[in-house]
Protein backbone atom coordinates (compact mmCIF):
# COMPACT_ATOMS: atom_id res chain seq x y z
CA MET A 1 33.10 -20.69 -66.74
CA ALA A 2 33.83 -22.88 -63.49
CA MET A 3 30.73 -22.05 -61.43
CA SER A 4 32.78 -20.62 -58.22
CA GLN A 5 34.17 -17.86 -60.76
CA ALA A 6 30.60 -17.11 -62.15
CA ALA A 7 29.47 -16.81 -58.38
CA HIS A 8 32.32 -14.89 -57.29
CA ALA A 9 31.61 -12.53 -60.06
CA VAL A 10 27.40 -12.23 -59.43
CA GLU A 11 28.60 -11.24 -56.12
CA LYS A 12 30.49 -8.56 -57.21
CA ALA A 13 28.31 -7.27 -59.35
CA THR A 14 25.13 -7.42 -57.29
CA GLY A 15 26.21 -7.25 -54.25
CA HIS A 16 24.98 -10.52 -53.20
CA GLN A 17 26.35 -12.43 -50.37
CA GLY A 18 27.14 -16.31 -50.54
CA ASP A 19 23.29 -18.09 -50.11
CA ALA A 20 21.86 -15.23 -51.17
CA ILE A 21 23.15 -16.10 -54.82
CA THR A 22 20.89 -18.66 -56.42
CA ALA A 23 21.61 -20.60 -59.76
CA GLN A 24 19.49 -18.38 -61.66
CA ASP A 25 21.54 -15.14 -60.60
CA VAL A 26 24.89 -17.04 -61.88
CA ALA A 27 22.48 -18.13 -65.55
CA ASN A 28 21.25 -14.51 -65.95
CA TYR A 29 25.17 -13.68 -65.35
CA THR A 30 26.54 -15.59 -67.98
CA LYS A 31 23.94 -14.58 -70.43
CA THR A 32 23.18 -10.97 -69.94
CA GLY A 33 25.85 -9.52 -67.50
CA ASN A 34 22.91 -7.75 -65.66
CA ALA A 35 24.03 -4.59 -68.23
CA SER A 36 22.46 -1.12 -67.40
CA GLN A 37 22.24 1.38 -70.05
CA THR A 38 25.90 3.07 -68.45
CA MET A 39 29.29 1.80 -68.08
CA LYS A 40 32.56 2.88 -66.21
CA ALA A 41 35.78 3.85 -68.11
CA LEU A 42 39.02 5.21 -68.42
CA VAL A 43 38.94 8.31 -71.05
CA TRP A 44 41.01 10.82 -72.13
CA GLN A 45 40.57 14.83 -71.02
CA GLY A 46 43.52 15.85 -72.47
CA LYS A 47 47.55 16.23 -72.79
CA ASN A 48 48.37 13.87 -69.24
CA THR A 49 45.01 14.01 -67.66
CA VAL A 50 42.47 10.86 -67.59
CA LYS A 51 39.68 9.93 -65.31
CA VAL A 52 37.21 7.55 -64.99
CA VAL A 53 33.70 8.35 -65.92
CA ASP A 54 30.45 7.03 -66.43
CA THR A 55 29.33 7.12 -69.71
CA PRO A 56 26.98 4.91 -72.52
CA ARG A 57 27.71 1.50 -72.74
CA PRO A 58 28.00 0.54 -76.22
CA ASN A 59 25.08 -1.01 -78.23
CA ILE A 60 25.75 -3.09 -81.71
CA LEU A 61 26.25 -1.25 -84.71
CA GLU A 62 27.08 -3.22 -87.55
CA ASP A 63 25.99 -6.77 -88.13
CA ARG A 64 29.05 -8.42 -87.16
CA ASP A 65 29.87 -6.50 -83.71
CA VAL A 66 30.13 -8.75 -80.52
CA ILE A 67 30.37 -6.12 -77.07
CA LEU A 68 32.03 -7.94 -74.53
CA ARG A 69 32.20 -7.44 -70.62
CA VAL A 70 35.95 -6.67 -70.05
CA THR A 71 36.68 -8.92 -67.75
CA GLY A 72 40.30 -7.88 -67.49
CA SER A 73 42.35 -5.01 -69.13
CA THR A 74 45.96 -3.19 -68.93
CA ILE A 75 47.77 -0.64 -69.35
CA CYS A 76 50.65 -0.74 -72.54
CA GLY A 77 53.71 1.75 -72.69
CA SER A 78 51.90 3.09 -75.95
CA ASP A 79 49.08 3.95 -74.24
CA LEU A 80 51.70 6.92 -72.50
CA HIS A 81 51.60 8.11 -76.16
CA LEU A 82 48.58 8.84 -75.98
CA TYR A 83 48.20 10.07 -72.56
CA HIS A 84 51.14 12.60 -73.41
CA GLY A 85 49.01 14.02 -76.67
CA SER A 86 52.26 12.30 -78.44
CA ILE A 87 49.54 10.32 -80.72
CA LEU A 88 47.67 12.26 -83.88
CA GLN A 89 44.24 13.30 -83.30
CA MET A 90 42.69 11.91 -80.02
CA ALA A 91 39.83 13.74 -78.44
CA LYS A 92 38.43 14.79 -75.38
CA GLY A 93 36.35 11.36 -74.13
CA ASP A 94 37.36 9.10 -75.96
CA ILE A 95 37.76 5.98 -74.20
CA MET A 96 41.42 3.99 -74.16
CA GLY A 97 43.11 0.60 -73.98
CA HIS A 98 43.71 -1.57 -76.32
CA GLU A 99 44.22 -4.79 -74.45
CA PHE A 100 41.36 -6.71 -73.04
CA CYS A 101 39.36 -10.12 -72.63
CA GLY A 102 35.72 -10.60 -71.39
CA VAL A 103 32.76 -12.82 -71.63
CA VAL A 104 30.16 -12.00 -74.83
CA ASP A 105 27.41 -10.39 -73.92
CA GLU A 106 25.81 -9.81 -76.87
CA ILE A 107 26.27 -10.63 -80.49
CA GLY A 108 25.35 -9.26 -84.07
CA PRO A 109 23.17 -10.92 -86.20
CA GLY A 110 25.67 -11.42 -89.10
CA VAL A 111 28.48 -13.24 -86.53
CA LYS A 112 29.68 -16.61 -86.91
CA GLY A 113 31.14 -18.73 -84.68
CA ILE A 114 31.14 -17.21 -81.78
CA LYS A 115 29.10 -18.22 -78.25
CA LYS A 116 27.58 -15.81 -76.15
CA GLY A 117 28.80 -16.65 -73.04
CA GLY A 118 31.85 -17.33 -73.85
CA ARG A 119 35.50 -16.03 -72.60
CA TYR A 120 37.68 -14.42 -75.79
CA VAL A 121 40.45 -12.30 -75.81
CA ALA A 122 40.48 -9.76 -78.02
CA SER A 123 43.43 -8.58 -81.26
CA PHE A 124 44.38 -4.89 -80.57
CA GLN A 125 43.96 -4.59 -84.16
CA ILE A 126 40.92 -4.66 -86.21
CA ALA A 127 40.72 -7.04 -88.86
CA CYS A 128 38.34 -7.57 -92.17
CA GLY A 129 39.55 -11.02 -92.73
CA ASP A 130 39.85 -11.29 -96.01
CA CYS A 131 41.70 -8.43 -97.65
CA PHE A 132 45.35 -9.20 -99.66
CA TYR A 133 47.11 -9.13 -96.31
CA CYS A 134 44.48 -10.56 -93.56
CA ARG A 135 44.39 -13.55 -95.96
CA GLN A 136 48.34 -13.78 -94.41
CA LYS A 137 47.37 -13.39 -91.01
CA LEU A 138 48.91 -10.03 -91.28
CA SER A 139 46.36 -8.10 -89.31
CA SER A 140 47.84 -5.19 -88.45
CA GLN A 141 48.15 -4.24 -92.33
CA CYS A 142 44.52 -4.50 -93.19
CA GLU A 143 42.93 -2.45 -95.95
CA LYS A 144 39.37 -2.29 -95.44
CA THR A 145 38.60 -0.76 -91.21
CA ASN A 146 40.65 2.19 -91.01
CA SER A 147 39.90 5.08 -93.50
CA ASN A 148 42.01 8.07 -92.09
CA THR A 149 43.04 9.90 -94.39
CA GLN A 150 45.65 11.59 -92.59
CA ALA A 151 47.48 8.28 -91.59
CA LYS A 152 47.17 7.23 -95.35
CA ALA A 153 48.60 10.61 -96.82
CA LEU A 154 51.85 10.47 -93.64
CA TYR A 155 52.48 6.49 -94.64
CA GLY A 156 51.82 6.17 -97.86
CA THR A 157 49.35 3.33 -97.45
CA GLN A 158 46.71 2.67 -94.72
CA THR A 159 46.98 0.29 -91.53
CA SER A 160 44.50 -1.62 -89.72
CA GLY A 161 41.86 0.14 -87.36
CA MET A 162 43.18 -0.21 -83.90
CA LEU A 163 40.61 -0.50 -80.63
CA GLY A 164 41.41 2.62 -78.19
CA TYR A 165 43.90 4.16 -80.34
CA SER A 166 42.56 7.86 -81.32
CA HIS A 167 40.69 9.17 -84.43
CA PHE A 168 44.60 8.10 -86.34
CA THR A 169 43.80 4.45 -86.41
CA GLY A 170 39.64 4.54 -86.99
CA GLY A 171 38.64 6.41 -83.63
CA PHE A 172 37.42 3.29 -82.27
CA ALA A 173 36.47 2.93 -78.27
CA GLY A 174 39.23 1.02 -76.26
CA GLY A 175 38.52 -1.76 -73.32
CA GLN A 176 39.87 0.02 -70.17
CA ALA A 177 36.15 -0.18 -69.25
CA GLU A 178 33.19 -2.80 -68.39
CA TYR A 179 32.00 -3.02 -72.08
CA VAL A 180 33.66 -2.55 -75.25
CA ARG A 181 32.40 -3.43 -78.63
CA VAL A 182 34.25 -5.32 -81.08
CA PRO A 183 33.96 -4.88 -84.54
CA LEU A 184 33.72 -8.12 -87.05
CA GLY A 185 34.19 -9.87 -83.57
CA ASP A 186 34.55 -13.08 -85.27
CA VAL A 187 37.04 -12.37 -87.15
CA ASN A 188 39.11 -10.28 -84.29
CA LEU A 189 38.29 -12.32 -81.09
CA LEU A 190 40.06 -15.55 -80.16
CA GLU A 191 38.13 -18.19 -77.72
CA ILE A 192 40.03 -18.56 -74.20
CA PRO A 193 40.72 -22.64 -73.10
CA ASP A 194 39.58 -23.43 -69.86
CA ASN A 195 42.89 -23.40 -68.46
CA VAL A 196 43.77 -20.51 -69.02
CA PRO A 197 42.87 -17.84 -67.10
CA ASP A 198 42.33 -14.14 -68.04
CA GLU A 199 45.80 -13.27 -66.24
CA GLN A 200 47.21 -14.88 -69.13
CA ALA A 201 44.92 -15.05 -72.05
CA LEU A 202 44.52 -10.99 -71.72
CA TYR A 203 48.39 -10.53 -73.37
CA LEU A 204 47.66 -12.56 -76.36
CA SER A 205 45.83 -8.93 -77.23
CA ASP A 206 48.93 -7.63 -77.88
CA VAL A 207 52.04 -7.61 -75.53
CA LEU A 208 53.03 -11.44 -76.11
CA PRO A 209 52.41 -10.97 -80.27
CA THR A 210 54.10 -8.23 -80.27
CA ALA A 211 57.23 -9.15 -78.35
CA TYR A 212 57.35 -12.65 -80.61
CA ASN A 213 57.01 -10.79 -83.80
CA ALA A 214 60.20 -8.77 -83.00
CA VAL A 215 62.26 -11.46 -82.66
CA LYS A 216 60.66 -13.66 -85.07
CA ASP A 217 60.54 -10.76 -87.55
CA THR A 218 64.11 -9.55 -86.98
CA ALA A 219 65.19 -13.33 -87.18
CA VAL A 220 67.05 -14.27 -84.17
CA TYR A 221 69.27 -17.11 -84.66
CA GLU A 222 70.84 -20.00 -82.67
CA GLY A 223 74.01 -18.76 -80.83
CA ASP A 224 73.53 -14.85 -81.39
CA SER A 225 74.06 -12.07 -78.81
CA VAL A 226 70.96 -9.81 -78.52
CA ALA A 227 70.47 -6.47 -77.46
CA VAL A 228 66.81 -4.99 -75.96
CA PHE A 229 66.66 -1.34 -75.75
CA GLY A 230 63.95 -0.72 -73.40
CA ALA A 231 63.21 -3.32 -70.50
CA GLY A 232 59.76 -2.82 -70.35
CA PRO A 233 56.95 -5.84 -70.48
CA ILE A 234 57.35 -5.94 -74.52
CA GLY A 235 61.23 -6.02 -73.89
CA GLN A 236 61.32 -8.17 -71.01
CA MET A 237 59.52 -10.57 -73.36
CA ALA A 238 61.10 -10.42 -76.24
CA GLY A 239 64.51 -11.47 -74.54
CA TYR A 240 62.44 -14.38 -73.03
CA PHE A 241 61.66 -15.47 -76.45
CA ALA A 242 65.03 -14.73 -77.67
CA LEU A 243 66.43 -17.27 -75.49
CA GLY A 244 63.73 -19.43 -76.91
CA GLU A 245 64.94 -18.96 -80.36
CA GLY A 246 68.83 -20.59 -79.27
CA ALA A 247 70.35 -16.70 -78.20
CA LYS A 248 73.49 -16.85 -76.19
CA GLN A 249 73.36 -13.45 -74.61
CA VAL A 250 70.90 -10.88 -73.74
CA ILE A 251 71.81 -7.67 -73.14
CA PHE A 252 69.22 -4.78 -71.71
CA VAL A 253 69.55 -1.55 -72.21
CA ASP A 254 67.57 0.69 -69.49
CA THR A 255 67.67 1.99 -66.29
CA GLU A 256 66.12 1.24 -62.88
CA PRO A 257 63.66 0.01 -61.32
CA ARG A 258 62.84 -1.87 -64.73
CA LEU A 259 66.58 -3.49 -64.46
CA SER A 260 66.06 -4.53 -61.04
CA PHE A 261 62.83 -6.47 -61.96
CA VAL A 262 63.71 -7.88 -64.80
CA SER A 263 66.92 -9.56 -62.81
CA SER A 264 64.47 -10.94 -60.34
CA ARG A 265 62.12 -12.30 -62.78
CA TRP A 266 65.02 -13.84 -65.34
CA PRO A 267 64.61 -17.28 -65.70
CA ALA A 268 67.60 -19.01 -63.03
CA ALA A 269 68.38 -21.04 -65.52
CA HIS A 270 69.86 -18.67 -67.80
CA MET A 271 71.20 -16.14 -65.33
CA ASP A 272 74.37 -16.68 -67.31
CA LYS A 273 73.21 -15.35 -70.20
CA LEU A 274 71.24 -12.22 -68.88
CA VAL A 275 73.53 -8.51 -68.81
CA LEU A 276 72.29 -5.17 -68.05
CA VAL A 277 73.09 -1.68 -69.33
CA ASP A 278 71.98 1.16 -67.16
CA TYR A 279 72.23 3.52 -69.72
CA LYS A 280 71.71 6.26 -67.11
CA GLN A 281 75.64 5.18 -65.78
CA LEU A 282 77.03 5.62 -69.02
CA SER A 283 75.89 9.18 -69.74
CA HIS A 284 76.56 11.29 -66.24
CA GLY A 285 79.59 12.40 -64.99
CA LEU A 286 82.42 15.12 -66.71
CA THR A 287 84.80 12.41 -66.70
CA ASN A 288 82.99 9.17 -67.88
CA ARG A 289 83.03 8.76 -72.06
CA GLU A 290 81.96 5.81 -71.89
CA THR A 291 78.39 5.09 -74.41
CA VAL A 292 75.96 2.38 -75.13
CA VAL A 293 77.87 1.75 -78.20
CA SER A 294 80.94 1.02 -76.39
CA ARG A 295 79.33 -1.10 -73.82
CA LEU A 296 78.22 -2.75 -76.23
CA LYS A 297 81.31 -3.60 -78.03
CA GLN A 298 82.89 -4.47 -74.83
CA LEU A 299 80.38 -7.08 -73.73
CA THR A 300 80.77 -8.78 -77.66
CA GLU A 301 84.32 -9.33 -78.39
CA GLY A 302 84.60 -5.41 -79.95
CA ARG A 303 82.36 -6.04 -82.92
CA GLY A 304 78.90 -5.45 -81.48
CA PRO A 305 75.77 -8.22 -80.79
CA ASP A 306 73.86 -9.91 -83.96
CA VAL A 307 70.74 -7.95 -83.48
CA ALA A 308 69.47 -5.18 -81.72
CA ILE A 309 65.30 -4.72 -80.81
CA GLU A 310 64.03 -1.30 -79.84
CA CYS A 311 60.96 -1.83 -77.71
CA VAL A 312 60.71 1.68 -76.32
CA ALA A 313 59.48 4.36 -78.88
CA GLY A 314 60.61 7.27 -80.50
CA GLU A 315 58.87 10.05 -78.20
CA TYR A 316 61.83 9.91 -75.29
CA ALA A 317 64.45 12.42 -76.36
CA LYS A 318 67.92 11.63 -74.59
CA GLY A 319 69.57 14.96 -75.01
CA TRP A 320 68.92 18.40 -75.30
CA LEU A 321 68.64 18.66 -79.10
CA HIS A 322 66.19 16.74 -79.95
CA TRP A 323 63.56 17.61 -76.79
CA ILE A 324 63.98 21.02 -78.06
CA GLU A 325 63.42 19.97 -82.06
CA MET A 326 60.59 17.92 -80.82
CA GLN A 327 59.49 20.74 -78.88
CA LEU A 328 59.21 22.83 -81.87
CA GLY A 329 57.47 20.59 -84.31
CA ALA A 330 60.50 19.94 -85.81
CA GLU A 331 60.43 16.35 -85.67
CA THR A 332 58.27 13.93 -84.35
CA ASP A 333 60.49 11.19 -83.07
CA THR A 334 64.44 11.25 -81.87
CA SER A 335 66.82 9.12 -83.50
CA GLU A 336 68.93 8.52 -80.46
CA ILE A 337 68.17 4.89 -79.84
CA LEU A 338 67.97 4.12 -83.66
CA ASN A 339 71.56 5.30 -84.04
CA GLU A 340 72.83 3.55 -80.66
CA MET A 341 71.25 0.08 -82.15
CA ILE A 342 72.58 0.90 -85.70
CA GLU A 343 76.23 1.74 -84.41
CA GLY A 344 76.15 -0.90 -81.83
CA VAL A 345 75.19 -3.77 -83.79
CA ARG A 346 77.95 -5.62 -85.47
CA ASN A 347 78.44 -5.14 -89.23
CA PHE A 348 75.71 -6.86 -91.29
CA GLY A 349 74.01 -7.16 -88.03
CA ARG A 350 70.12 -6.57 -87.76
CA CYS A 351 68.18 -3.61 -85.73
CA GLY A 352 64.05 -4.55 -85.47
CA VAL A 353 61.84 -1.41 -84.74
CA THR A 354 58.76 -2.32 -82.58
CA GLY A 355 58.52 0.53 -80.44
CA ALA A 356 55.85 3.28 -81.74
CA TYR A 357 57.14 6.05 -84.24
CA VAL A 358 54.49 8.84 -85.89
CA GLY A 359 56.58 10.30 -88.58
CA TYR A 360 59.80 12.02 -89.06
CA THR A 361 63.31 12.02 -87.18
CA ASN A 362 66.42 14.34 -88.13
CA HIS A 363 70.01 13.14 -87.80
CA PHE A 364 69.52 9.53 -88.52
CA ASN A 365 72.62 8.14 -89.30
CA ILE A 366 72.31 6.73 -92.90
CA GLY A 367 76.05 6.52 -93.42
CA SER A 368 76.99 3.93 -91.07
CA LEU A 369 73.43 1.73 -91.82
CA MET A 370 74.75 1.92 -95.61
CA GLU A 371 78.62 1.27 -95.29
CA ARG A 372 78.41 -1.48 -92.56
CA GLY A 373 75.47 -3.14 -94.10
CA ILE A 374 73.17 -2.66 -91.03
CA ARG A 375 69.53 -4.52 -92.21
CA LEU A 376 67.12 -1.49 -90.42
CA ILE A 377 63.46 -3.82 -89.89
CA GLY A 378 60.17 -1.75 -89.26
CA ASN A 379 58.61 -5.00 -87.55
CA GLY A 380 55.40 -3.02 -87.91
CA GLN A 381 52.16 -2.77 -85.06
CA ALA A 382 52.66 -6.87 -85.02
CA PRO A 383 50.23 -8.79 -86.63
CA VAL A 384 48.67 -10.62 -83.78
CA HIS A 385 46.16 -13.01 -86.03
CA LYS A 386 49.73 -14.49 -87.19
CA TYR A 387 50.84 -15.46 -83.78
CA TRP A 388 48.00 -15.72 -81.25
CA GLU A 389 46.78 -19.88 -81.78
CA GLU A 390 50.57 -20.72 -81.34
CA LEU A 391 51.11 -19.04 -78.53
CA ARG A 392 47.55 -19.47 -76.84
CA SER A 393 48.43 -23.07 -77.53
CA ARG A 394 51.91 -22.70 -75.56
CA LEU A 395 50.14 -21.23 -72.71
CA GLU A 396 47.46 -24.04 -72.75
CA LYS A 397 50.42 -26.49 -72.50
CA GLY A 398 52.44 -24.43 -69.99
CA GLU A 399 55.34 -23.83 -72.06
CA LEU A 400 55.14 -19.81 -71.57
CA ASP A 401 56.26 -17.57 -68.56
CA VAL A 402 53.59 -14.48 -68.70
CA TYR A 403 53.63 -13.95 -64.80
CA GLN A 404 57.23 -13.28 -65.18
CA MET A 405 56.40 -9.55 -66.03
CA LEU A 406 53.77 -8.90 -64.24
CA SER A 407 54.07 -6.75 -61.19
CA HIS A 408 50.60 -5.11 -60.01
CA ARG A 409 46.71 -6.44 -59.93
CA VAL A 410 44.65 -2.98 -59.71
CA ARG A 411 41.17 -1.73 -60.24
CA LEU A 412 39.37 -0.39 -63.42
CA GLU A 413 38.08 2.63 -60.75
CA ASP A 414 41.36 3.50 -59.91
CA MET A 415 42.96 4.03 -63.07
CA ASP A 416 43.55 7.90 -63.33
CA LYS A 417 45.69 7.30 -60.62
CA VAL A 418 47.50 4.31 -61.90
CA TYR A 419 48.42 6.37 -65.19
CA THR A 420 50.51 8.35 -62.78
CA LYS A 421 51.99 6.04 -61.38
CA TYR A 422 52.35 4.21 -64.25
CA ASP A 423 54.32 7.54 -66.60
CA GLN A 424 56.37 7.58 -63.58
CA ARG A 425 57.57 4.57 -63.06
CA GLU A 426 56.48 4.17 -59.18
CA ASP A 427 55.77 0.99 -57.66
CA ALA A 428 58.16 -0.69 -59.90
CA MET A 429 55.17 -0.79 -62.34
CA GLN A 430 55.82 -3.29 -65.05
CA LYS A 431 52.56 -5.23 -66.87
CA ILE A 432 49.63 -4.77 -64.59
CA PHE A 433 45.88 -6.33 -64.43
CA VAL A 434 43.12 -4.21 -64.51
CA GLU A 435 39.67 -5.98 -62.78
CA THR A 436 36.34 -4.82 -63.00
CA LYS A 437 33.40 -5.61 -61.41
CA TRP A 438 32.93 -8.87 -64.19
CA SER A 439 36.27 -10.11 -63.25
CA PHE A 440 36.92 -13.66 -61.91
CA PRO A 441 38.94 -14.39 -58.59
CA ARG A 442 42.59 -13.74 -58.83
CA ALA A 443 44.47 -16.55 -60.44
CA GLU A 444 47.49 -18.46 -58.38
CA GLY A 445 50.53 -16.79 -58.66
CA THR A 446 49.24 -13.30 -59.43
CA PRO A 447 50.18 -10.24 -57.61
CA VAL A 448 47.29 -9.78 -54.93
CA LEU A 449 45.26 -6.25 -55.70
CA THR A 450 46.53 -2.96 -55.15
CA GLU A 451 44.32 -0.07 -54.43
CA TYR A 452 44.74 3.53 -54.73
């Protein structure tokens, strides 16, 4: 940690100014964080309600636990499913947030290879490191970290525990807080290089591996036309990674303000490969019968894209029939976007599903899937451990543009207001960086602080 960064953090944490900060202050901060018994955290209060509260600071519970002082977190689009109450088994008071990085404050006696005072980013999923799936770096499918019986009954087998993502995934407290407990910390923390600021490293926890996995797992090849459904941060980065695989065309299907945001950040050298489709302009008007599917065909010589990648999730019904069925509990997820993808891609095309789906859907076009030889690929919760070292290396070398998706920097204390704005897509919010009292100075080229 650079001296200037630590001194700045001490100033924020203690209120000391300039010359009043001593070398001992900095040393104490690096070692202990001057931790109190309580902390600020963003907690779920019920459907569409969150609140920043003072809550007990986490302690070491297991031998391989690590306590982080959180220096950066964010909101993920999938956090909105929790916010809306769409994910099973949320409880009042649950601490949210599954993407975070920080400085190691405490280490359990069984932890190996983790340095106190070091900077680390956490994987959003909790892996054991030694089961069948973990040995293959398929960390999201860990067999040992989520004992929830309802999840096992619904999906046929268990998947990994997740931080800050309901009791359905293990009930682990999240990182939209000043401190967080990371179970099996020597497996689920990745060291951050000195030349990589938090504003880049933070996104190794989820959004970068998830977007990369969507492209790799669905398989994008040189010369492919790729349609990305959902131009949020994961969709935006999936389109960016598709370029890296040699895609000749990237079509984003979404609406404003996201389409304009993506267009304004798209690499200038590849503007000729960018196409924007505003689905709201296609689905309104008595005389307008053009659909997303027909537009995709028009853009690809009548055949359809080679690949479609879904980065939206099944919570958002577009038509009244699915909305009613979801309200009645007749289905948990809408199949509308899945059907658009299946019908929209070329024969023997590939459709990857990386958005969050909970359970069952109705009116799924299995006939088009079968007759036209469509590959429907569940990308799963992305196996972060499979990709994060590769992506970290690309960040170190300056080969990966993370800042293109960043729109805001906010304070943890304002998160209850930020959730409302993020949910309603106000202020053109895309990906945000959430600072705490432990955060380092803002990295050059990133958004300035917005206070709400």
